[in-house]
N, C-alpha and C. Protein backbone atom coordinates (compact mmCIF):
# COMPACT_ATOMS: atom_id res chain seq x y z
N MET A 1 18.23 6.99 19.47
CA MET A 1 16.94 6.37 19.26
C MET A 1 16.66 6.28 17.76
N ILE A 2 15.89 5.31 17.35
CA ILE A 2 15.59 5.07 15.94
C ILE A 2 14.49 6.02 15.47
N GLU A 3 14.67 6.56 14.26
CA GLU A 3 13.65 7.43 13.66
C GLU A 3 12.37 6.65 13.42
N GLN A 4 11.25 7.36 13.43
CA GLN A 4 9.97 6.74 13.09
C GLN A 4 10.01 6.33 11.62
N HIS A 5 9.66 5.10 11.36
CA HIS A 5 9.67 4.60 9.99
C HIS A 5 8.72 3.41 9.87
N LYS A 6 8.51 3.00 8.67
CA LYS A 6 7.80 1.75 8.41
C LYS A 6 8.61 0.98 7.39
N HIS A 7 8.13 -0.19 7.02
CA HIS A 7 8.89 -1.02 6.09
C HIS A 7 8.13 -1.23 4.79
N CYS A 8 8.89 -1.34 3.72
CA CYS A 8 8.31 -1.59 2.40
C CYS A 8 7.57 -2.93 2.45
N PRO A 9 6.31 -2.97 1.98
CA PRO A 9 5.56 -4.22 2.06
C PRO A 9 6.12 -5.34 1.18
N LEU A 10 6.94 -5.01 0.19
CA LEU A 10 7.49 -6.04 -0.69
C LEU A 10 8.85 -6.55 -0.23
N CYS A 11 9.77 -5.65 -0.01
CA CYS A 11 11.14 -6.09 0.29
C CYS A 11 11.52 -5.92 1.76
N GLY A 12 10.76 -5.13 2.51
CA GLY A 12 11.04 -4.98 3.93
C GLY A 12 12.04 -3.91 4.29
N LYS A 13 12.51 -3.13 3.32
CA LYS A 13 13.46 -2.06 3.63
C LYS A 13 12.76 -0.95 4.42
N PRO A 14 13.48 -0.30 5.35
CA PRO A 14 12.87 0.81 6.08
C PRO A 14 12.62 2.00 5.14
N ILE A 15 11.45 2.62 5.28
CA ILE A 15 11.08 3.78 4.46
C ILE A 15 10.43 4.83 5.35
N PRO A 16 10.39 6.09 4.91
CA PRO A 16 9.70 7.13 5.69
C PRO A 16 8.21 6.82 5.83
N LEU A 17 7.59 7.39 6.84
CA LEU A 17 6.17 7.13 7.11
C LEU A 17 5.25 7.60 5.99
N ASN A 18 5.67 8.63 5.24
CA ASN A 18 4.79 9.20 4.22
C ASN A 18 4.90 8.50 2.86
N GLU A 19 5.71 7.47 2.74
CA GLU A 19 5.85 6.74 1.48
C GLU A 19 5.26 5.34 1.61
N ARG A 20 4.82 4.79 0.47
CA ARG A 20 4.21 3.46 0.48
C ARG A 20 5.23 2.37 0.12
N PHE A 21 6.17 2.69 -0.77
CA PHE A 21 7.16 1.71 -1.24
C PHE A 21 8.53 2.36 -1.22
N CYS A 22 9.57 1.51 -1.25
CA CYS A 22 10.93 2.03 -1.19
C CYS A 22 11.43 2.49 -2.55
N SER A 23 10.87 1.95 -3.64
CA SER A 23 11.36 2.30 -4.97
C SER A 23 10.24 2.10 -5.99
N PRO A 24 10.40 2.70 -7.16
CA PRO A 24 9.41 2.48 -8.23
C PRO A 24 9.30 1.01 -8.64
N SER A 25 10.40 0.27 -8.57
CA SER A 25 10.32 -1.15 -8.96
C SER A 25 9.46 -1.94 -7.98
N CYS A 26 9.56 -1.65 -6.69
CA CYS A 26 8.70 -2.32 -5.71
C CYS A 26 7.24 -1.93 -5.93
N GLU A 27 7.01 -0.67 -6.27
CA GLU A 27 5.65 -0.22 -6.53
C GLU A 27 5.06 -0.93 -7.75
N GLU A 28 5.87 -1.08 -8.80
CA GLU A 28 5.42 -1.79 -10.01
C GLU A 28 5.12 -3.26 -9.71
N LEU A 29 5.99 -3.89 -8.92
CA LEU A 29 5.76 -5.29 -8.55
C LEU A 29 4.48 -5.44 -7.73
N ALA A 30 4.24 -4.50 -6.82
CA ALA A 30 3.03 -4.55 -6.00
C ALA A 30 1.79 -4.37 -6.86
N LEU A 31 1.86 -3.46 -7.83
CA LEU A 31 0.73 -3.23 -8.73
C LEU A 31 0.46 -4.47 -9.58
N ALA A 32 1.52 -5.09 -10.08
CA ALA A 32 1.36 -6.32 -10.87
C ALA A 32 0.75 -7.43 -10.02
N ASN A 33 1.18 -7.52 -8.77
CA ASN A 33 0.64 -8.53 -7.86
C ASN A 33 -0.84 -8.27 -7.59
N GLN A 34 -1.21 -7.01 -7.39
CA GLN A 34 -2.62 -6.67 -7.18
C GLN A 34 -3.46 -7.04 -8.39
N LYS A 35 -2.96 -6.78 -9.58
CA LYS A 35 -3.70 -7.12 -10.80
C LYS A 35 -3.87 -8.63 -10.91
N ARG A 36 -2.83 -9.38 -10.57
CA ARG A 36 -2.89 -10.83 -10.64
C ARG A 36 -3.92 -11.38 -9.65
N VAL A 37 -3.91 -10.83 -8.44
CA VAL A 37 -4.87 -11.27 -7.42
C VAL A 37 -6.29 -10.93 -7.85
N LYS A 38 -6.47 -9.74 -8.42
CA LYS A 38 -7.80 -9.33 -8.88
C LYS A 38 -8.30 -10.24 -10.00
N LYS A 39 -7.42 -10.59 -10.92
CA LYS A 39 -7.79 -11.47 -12.03
C LYS A 39 -8.13 -12.87 -11.51
N THR A 40 -7.33 -13.38 -10.59
CA THR A 40 -7.58 -14.69 -10.01
C THR A 40 -8.91 -14.71 -9.27
N ARG A 41 -9.18 -13.66 -8.50
CA ARG A 41 -10.44 -13.58 -7.76
C ARG A 41 -11.62 -13.53 -8.71
N ARG A 42 -11.50 -12.78 -9.79
CA ARG A 42 -12.57 -12.69 -10.79
C ARG A 42 -12.82 -14.06 -11.43
N MET A 43 -11.74 -14.77 -11.75
CA MET A 43 -11.89 -16.10 -12.35
C MET A 43 -12.56 -17.07 -11.37
N LEU A 44 -12.24 -16.95 -10.09
CA LEU A 44 -12.85 -17.79 -9.07
C LEU A 44 -14.35 -17.52 -8.98
N TYR A 45 -14.75 -16.25 -9.03
CA TYR A 45 -16.18 -15.91 -8.99
C TYR A 45 -16.91 -16.46 -10.21
N VAL A 46 -16.30 -16.35 -11.38
CA VAL A 46 -16.92 -16.88 -12.59
C VAL A 46 -17.06 -18.40 -12.49
N LEU A 47 -16.03 -19.06 -12.04
CA LEU A 47 -16.07 -20.52 -11.89
C LEU A 47 -17.16 -20.93 -10.89
N PHE A 48 -17.27 -20.20 -9.81
CA PHE A 48 -18.29 -20.48 -8.81
C PHE A 48 -19.69 -20.28 -9.40
N ALA A 49 -19.89 -19.21 -10.17
CA ALA A 49 -21.18 -18.96 -10.81
C ALA A 49 -21.52 -20.07 -11.80
N VAL A 50 -20.55 -20.51 -12.59
CA VAL A 50 -20.78 -21.61 -13.54
C VAL A 50 -21.14 -22.88 -12.78
N PHE A 51 -20.45 -23.16 -11.70
CA PHE A 51 -20.75 -24.33 -10.89
C PHE A 51 -22.19 -24.29 -10.39
N ILE A 52 -22.63 -23.14 -9.89
CA ILE A 52 -24.00 -22.99 -9.40
C ILE A 52 -25.00 -23.18 -10.53
N LEU A 53 -24.73 -22.61 -11.69
CA LEU A 53 -25.65 -22.76 -12.83
C LEU A 53 -25.76 -24.22 -13.27
N VAL A 54 -24.64 -24.92 -13.32
CA VAL A 54 -24.67 -26.34 -13.69
C VAL A 54 -25.43 -27.14 -12.64
N TRP A 55 -25.19 -26.85 -11.38
CA TRP A 55 -25.90 -27.53 -10.30
C TRP A 55 -27.40 -27.28 -10.40
N LEU A 56 -27.80 -26.02 -10.63
CA LEU A 56 -29.22 -25.70 -10.78
C LEU A 56 -29.83 -26.42 -11.98
N PHE A 57 -29.09 -26.49 -13.07
CA PHE A 57 -29.59 -27.19 -14.25
C PHE A 57 -29.89 -28.65 -13.93
N PHE A 58 -28.95 -29.32 -13.26
CA PHE A 58 -29.16 -30.73 -12.93
C PHE A 58 -30.25 -30.93 -11.88
N MET A 59 -30.39 -29.98 -10.98
CA MET A 59 -31.43 -30.10 -9.95
C MET A 59 -32.82 -29.86 -10.53
N LEU A 60 -32.93 -28.96 -11.49
CA LEU A 60 -34.24 -28.56 -12.01
C LEU A 60 -34.60 -29.17 -13.35
N ARG A 61 -33.72 -29.98 -13.92
CA ARG A 61 -33.98 -30.49 -15.27
C ARG A 61 -35.21 -31.38 -15.32
N GLY A 62 -35.53 -32.12 -14.27
CA GLY A 62 -36.73 -32.94 -14.25
C GLY A 62 -38.00 -32.09 -14.20
N GLN A 63 -37.93 -30.98 -13.49
CA GLN A 63 -39.09 -30.10 -13.36
C GLN A 63 -39.31 -29.26 -14.61
N LEU A 64 -38.25 -29.00 -15.34
CA LEU A 64 -38.36 -28.17 -16.54
C LEU A 64 -38.67 -29.00 -17.78
N GLY A 65 -38.59 -30.31 -17.69
CA GLY A 65 -38.90 -31.18 -18.81
C GLY A 65 -37.74 -31.45 -19.75
N PHE A 66 -36.50 -31.28 -19.27
CA PHE A 66 -35.32 -31.55 -20.11
C PHE A 66 -34.92 -32.99 -20.00
């Protein structure tokens, strides 16, 4: 019977249940990927906020006297 195991989220190699990654290089790649996703998400939020501010400016410019 096969031992209890899980797979590395990056490369798919079998690893023990108490470990998250199969190697330090996979862990570094996962950390870099998380940072990239976090940065992209932050940029998306900023872009969305700018879009809302521009939209509000154009909607309210007649009422504000601009």
